[in-house]
């Protein structure tokens, strides 16, 4: 909600067509007007929901219980050629695997470039996972990245 002075709201209403007027809620001498979320906020909400969905799929689809194993997750960016880990909990040689790339010959890579998800076994840096990958697609329909959630086997 945005709180506008009554004069500003009246100016907006008088300049717009009658079909566009919104119901008015008053707070003292100000008018409260609904302000929809920004596109970036919507994208972050969708990303959060996708991550939660992948977490549930991994948890229920894995034979390991959540209490017995640690989940790993990554966010990849995609430049039209390579998927690069921009955020991750995956470790490589005791260091964060940020900046490492998804192997182009992996089944996950092949599914992601076709804008499909992948669920199945995956080996990352010598460690076996029950993995779930999901593509991130921009509003323009282009592939922009991917999400990974996996349970070590």
Protein backbone atom coordinates (compact mmCIF):
# COMPACT_ATOMS: atom_id res chain seq x y z
CA UNK A 1 0.00 0.00 0.00
CA UNK A 2 1.08 3.51 -0.74
CA UNK A 3 -0.24 6.47 1.14
CA UNK A 4 -0.91 9.47 -1.14
CA UNK A 5 -2.07 12.93 -0.18
CA UNK A 6 -5.71 13.41 -1.15
CA UNK A 7 -4.79 16.09 -3.74
CA UNK A 8 -2.34 13.77 -5.54
CA UNK A 9 -4.92 11.01 -5.70
CA UNK A 10 -7.60 13.41 -6.97
CA UNK A 11 -5.18 14.67 -9.65
CA UNK A 12 -4.50 11.10 -10.76
CA UNK A 13 -8.20 10.21 -10.87
CA UNK A 14 -9.11 13.33 -12.85
CA UNK A 15 -6.33 12.63 -15.41
CA UNK A 16 -7.17 8.95 -15.92
CA UNK A 17 -10.22 7.42 -17.49
CA UNK A 18 -13.16 6.54 -15.22
CA UNK A 19 -12.55 2.82 -15.83
CA UNK A 20 -9.14 3.05 -14.12
CA UNK A 21 -10.28 4.50 -10.82
CA UNK A 22 -9.53 2.36 -7.80
CA UNK A 23 -11.53 2.14 -4.60
CA UNK A 24 -10.37 4.72 -2.09
CA UNK A 25 -9.41 4.00 1.50
CA UNK A 26 -8.80 7.00 3.69
CA UNK A 27 -6.25 7.36 6.47
CA UNK A 28 -6.89 10.78 7.94
CA UNK A 29 -6.51 13.27 5.06
CA UNK A 30 -4.52 10.79 2.93
CA UNK A 31 -5.81 8.23 0.45
CA UNK A 32 -4.44 4.66 0.47
CA UNK A 33 -3.85 3.21 -2.99
CA UNK A 34 -2.87 -0.37 -3.82
CA UNK A 35 0.56 -0.59 -5.43
CA UNK A 36 1.28 -3.94 -7.17
CA UNK A 37 4.66 -5.63 -6.51
CA UNK A 38 7.56 -4.76 -8.81
CA UNK A 39 8.61 -7.37 -11.44
CA UNK A 40 11.82 -8.13 -9.50
CA UNK A 41 9.79 -8.85 -6.34
CA UNK A 42 7.55 -11.21 -8.34
CA UNK A 43 10.61 -12.97 -9.79
CA UNK A 44 12.11 -13.42 -6.32
CA UNK A 45 8.82 -14.85 -5.01
CA UNK A 46 8.72 -17.32 -7.92
CA UNK A 47 12.35 -18.28 -7.31
CA UNK A 48 11.61 -18.87 -3.62
CA UNK A 49 8.59 -21.05 -4.48
CA UNK A 50 10.60 -23.06 -7.03
CA UNK A 51 13.38 -23.67 -4.51
CA UNK A 52 10.84 -24.84 -1.92
CA UNK A 53 9.22 -27.13 -4.47
CA UNK A 54 12.58 -28.63 -5.44
CA UNK A 55 13.40 -29.10 -1.78
CA UNK A 56 10.18 -31.04 -1.22
CA UNK A 57 10.66 -33.14 -4.36
CA UNK A 58 14.20 -33.99 -3.30
CA UNK A 59 13.17 -34.75 0.26
CA UNK A 60 10.23 -36.99 -0.65
CA UNK A 61 11.92 -38.53 -3.70
CA UNK A 62 15.06 -39.54 -1.86
CA UNK A 63 15.52 -42.69 0.17
CA UNK A 64 17.61 -40.70 2.67
CA UNK A 65 15.79 -38.86 5.42
CA UNK A 66 16.30 -35.17 5.95
CA UNK A 67 17.72 -35.81 9.40
CA UNK A 68 20.36 -38.19 8.04
CA UNK A 69 21.72 -36.06 5.22
CA UNK A 70 22.51 -32.52 4.28
CA UNK A 71 20.86 -30.95 1.26
CA UNK A 72 23.00 -29.01 -1.19
CA UNK A 73 21.70 -26.28 -3.47
CA UNK A 74 23.05 -24.07 -6.26
CA UNK A 75 21.86 -21.17 -8.36
CA UNK A 76 23.32 -21.09 -11.87
CA UNK A 77 23.51 -18.23 -14.34
CA UNK A 78 23.35 -19.05 -18.05
CA UNK A 79 25.06 -16.97 -20.74
CA UNK A 80 23.71 -18.88 -23.73
CA UNK A 81 26.56 -21.39 -23.58
CA UNK A 82 27.51 -22.27 -19.99
CA UNK A 83 25.78 -22.71 -16.65
CA UNK A 84 27.97 -21.15 -13.93
CA UNK A 85 27.33 -21.58 -10.20
CA UNK A 86 26.76 -18.09 -8.75
CA UNK A 87 25.61 -19.25 -5.32
CA UNK A 88 26.06 -22.73 -3.85
CA UNK A 89 26.48 -24.87 -0.78
CA UNK A 90 28.42 -27.46 -2.84
CA UNK A 91 32.09 -27.76 -1.90
CA UNK A 92 35.04 -28.61 -4.15
CA UNK A 93 38.33 -29.52 -2.46
CA UNK A 94 37.15 -27.92 0.79
CA UNK A 95 36.27 -24.62 -0.94
CA UNK A 96 32.96 -23.25 -2.20
CA UNK A 97 32.21 -24.37 -5.76
CA UNK A 98 31.05 -20.86 -6.77
CA UNK A 99 32.29 -20.11 -10.28
CA UNK A 100 32.39 -23.74 -11.40
CA UNK A 101 30.43 -24.87 -14.45
CA UNK A 102 27.87 -27.56 -15.12
CA UNK A 103 29.41 -30.18 -17.41
CA UNK A 104 27.99 -29.85 -20.96
CA UNK A 105 27.87 -33.64 -21.40
CA UNK A 106 25.77 -34.19 -18.25
CA UNK A 107 22.10 -35.20 -18.56
CA UNK A 108 21.13 -32.16 -16.46
CA UNK A 109 22.82 -29.76 -18.92
CA UNK A 110 21.09 -31.41 -21.88
CA UNK A 111 17.68 -31.13 -20.20
CA UNK A 112 18.20 -27.55 -19.02
CA UNK A 113 19.20 -26.15 -22.44
CA UNK A 114 15.87 -27.52 -23.72
CA UNK A 115 14.13 -25.72 -20.81
CA UNK A 116 13.26 -28.99 -19.08
CA UNK A 117 13.93 -30.05 -15.51
CA UNK A 118 16.11 -33.03 -14.63
CA UNK A 119 15.78 -35.41 -11.70
CA UNK A 120 18.15 -38.30 -11.26
CA UNK A 121 21.58 -39.39 -10.16
CA UNK A 122 24.46 -36.93 -10.53
CA UNK A 123 28.09 -36.89 -9.47
CA UNK A 124 29.48 -33.51 -8.42
CA UNK A 125 33.17 -33.23 -7.56
CA UNK A 126 33.40 -36.92 -6.72
CA UNK A 127 30.25 -36.98 -4.59
CA UNK A 128 27.07 -38.82 -5.68
CA UNK A 129 23.71 -37.03 -5.39
CA UNK A 130 20.06 -37.63 -6.00
CA UNK A 131 19.72 -34.37 -7.93
CA UNK A 132 16.96 -32.07 -9.11
CA UNK A 133 17.62 -29.27 -11.60
CA UNK A 134 15.07 -26.73 -12.83
CA UNK A 135 15.51 -24.09 -15.53
CA UNK A 136 15.03 -20.38 -14.81
CA UNK A 137 13.25 -18.69 -17.68
CA UNK A 138 12.93 -14.91 -18.00
CA UNK A 139 9.76 -13.00 -18.86
CA UNK A 140 10.97 -12.89 -22.48
CA UNK A 141 11.04 -16.71 -22.60
CA UNK A 142 14.84 -16.95 -22.66
CA UNK A 143 16.78 -19.32 -20.43
CA UNK A 144 18.59 -17.26 -17.78
CA UNK A 145 19.84 -19.86 -15.33
CA UNK A 146 18.99 -22.94 -13.30
CA UNK A 147 18.43 -24.19 -9.78
CA UNK A 148 19.92 -27.33 -8.23
CA UNK A 149 18.86 -29.14 -5.07
CA UNK A 150 20.44 -32.46 -4.22
CA UNK A 151 20.74 -35.04 -1.47
CA UNK A 152 24.12 -36.75 -1.12
CA UNK A 153 23.81 -40.54 -1.43
